[in-house]
Protein backbone atom coordinates (compact mmCIF):
# COMPACT_ATOMS: atom_id res chain seq x y z
CA ALA A 1 0.24 0.25 -0.32
CA GLN A 2 1.39 3.34 -0.62
CA GLN A 3 2.07 6.31 1.99
CA PRO A 4 -0.37 8.54 1.88
CA GLY A 5 0.66 11.96 0.09
CA THR A 6 2.21 10.18 -1.77
CA PRO A 7 1.94 10.45 -5.93
CA LEU A 8 0.43 7.46 -7.50
CA SER A 9 2.49 5.16 -9.46
CA ASP A 10 2.56 5.30 -13.34
CA GLN A 11 0.09 2.32 -13.57
CA GLU A 12 -2.50 4.10 -10.86
CA TYR A 13 -2.11 7.37 -13.11
CA HIS A 14 -2.76 5.11 -16.04
CA GLN A 15 -5.84 3.86 -14.09
CA PHE A 16 -6.93 7.29 -12.77
CA PHE A 17 -6.85 9.01 -15.97
CA LYS A 18 -8.52 6.37 -17.63
CA PHE A 19 -11.16 6.26 -15.49
CA LEU A 20 -11.52 10.52 -15.69
CA ARG A 21 -11.60 10.41 -19.41
CA ILE A 22 -14.64 7.60 -19.53
CA THR A 23 -16.34 9.64 -16.97
CA ILE A 24 -15.71 13.30 -18.79
CA GLN A 25 -17.17 11.77 -22.43
CA ALA A 26 -19.96 10.21 -20.16
CA SER A 27 -21.02 13.86 -18.18
CA THR A 28 -20.43 15.37 -22.32
CA ALA A 29 -22.96 12.96 -23.41
CA CYS A 30 -25.15 13.24 -21.29
CA HIS A 31 -24.73 17.30 -21.55
CA LEU A 32 -26.17 16.81 -25.00
CA ARG A 33 -29.18 14.62 -24.03
CA GLU A 34 -30.18 17.58 -21.61
CA LEU A 35 -29.92 20.23 -23.99
CA TYR A 36 -31.05 18.95 -27.36
CA GLY A 37 -33.10 16.02 -25.89
CA CYS A 38 -33.59 12.19 -26.65
CA LYS A 39 -35.13 12.80 -30.38
CA ASN A 40 -31.66 14.44 -31.19
CA SER A 41 -30.08 12.67 -34.31
CA LEU A 42 -26.83 12.48 -32.32
CA VAL A 43 -27.98 11.61 -28.62
CA GLN A 44 -29.82 8.32 -30.72
CA ARG A 45 -26.87 7.41 -32.10
CA LEU A 46 -25.05 6.99 -29.03
CA ASP A 47 -28.30 5.32 -27.54
CA GLU A 48 -27.91 2.40 -30.18
CA TYR A 49 -24.84 2.71 -30.03
CA GLU A 50 -24.96 1.72 -26.35
CA ASN A 51 -27.60 -1.30 -27.32
CA HIS A 52 -26.18 -2.41 -30.45
CA GLY A 53 -27.76 -0.97 -32.62
CA VAL A 54 -31.15 -0.74 -31.28
CA ILE A 55 -33.19 1.75 -28.51
CA PRO A 56 -34.84 -0.49 -25.91
CA SER A 57 -38.88 0.19 -26.32
CA GLY A 58 -40.08 0.39 -23.19
CA PRO A 59 -40.43 -0.47 -19.99
CA ILE A 60 -36.71 -0.34 -19.27
CA CYS A 61 -35.76 -2.47 -15.97
CA SER A 62 -32.08 -1.40 -14.61
CA GLU A 63 -29.22 -3.05 -12.36
CA LEU A 64 -30.33 -0.41 -9.59
CA PRO A 65 -31.32 -2.09 -6.55
CA GLY A 66 -35.04 -2.86 -5.86
CA ASN A 67 -34.84 -2.98 -9.84
CA PRO A 68 -36.39 0.18 -10.53
CA SER A 69 -38.20 0.29 -14.04
CA PHE A 70 -38.64 3.30 -16.45
CA HIS A 71 -41.46 4.27 -18.93
CA ASN A 72 -38.37 3.85 -21.65
CA PHE A 73 -34.94 4.01 -22.71
CA CYS A 74 -34.49 8.34 -22.65
CA THR A 75 -36.29 8.24 -18.95
CA PHE A 76 -33.64 5.81 -17.80
CA SER A 77 -31.23 7.79 -19.27
CA LEU A 78 -31.81 11.19 -18.16
CA TYR A 79 -31.99 9.59 -14.50
CA ARG A 80 -28.42 8.85 -15.18
CA CYS A 81 -27.51 11.83 -15.85
CA ILE A 82 -28.99 13.46 -13.14
CA MET A 83 -27.76 10.86 -10.32
CA LYS A 84 -24.51 10.74 -12.28
CA LYS A 85 -24.64 7.38 -12.14
CA TYR A 86 -23.43 6.68 -15.86
CA PHE A 87 -22.23 3.68 -15.80
CA ILE A 88 -25.51 1.59 -14.50
CA LYS A 89 -26.54 -1.09 -16.77
CA VAL A 90 -30.42 -1.90 -18.03
């Protein structure tokens, strides 16, 4: 274990910035969703990419505790954005 206050190792820095880049990209996608809505062609392409080419209809069940469901994928995605839980899956 590293001593508190010491810099990260090269491998730890790689992991740190990899996670940071992924989180920033997810945050940017959420910002696009909030600005333009789920009907925007770019947002729809991102949703299709996330779901192997097809945006699920509804209702959507998630990996959240208690398996909460959402009316559609758009509602689910907006929830992830608002709660900053970018990596929850359906």
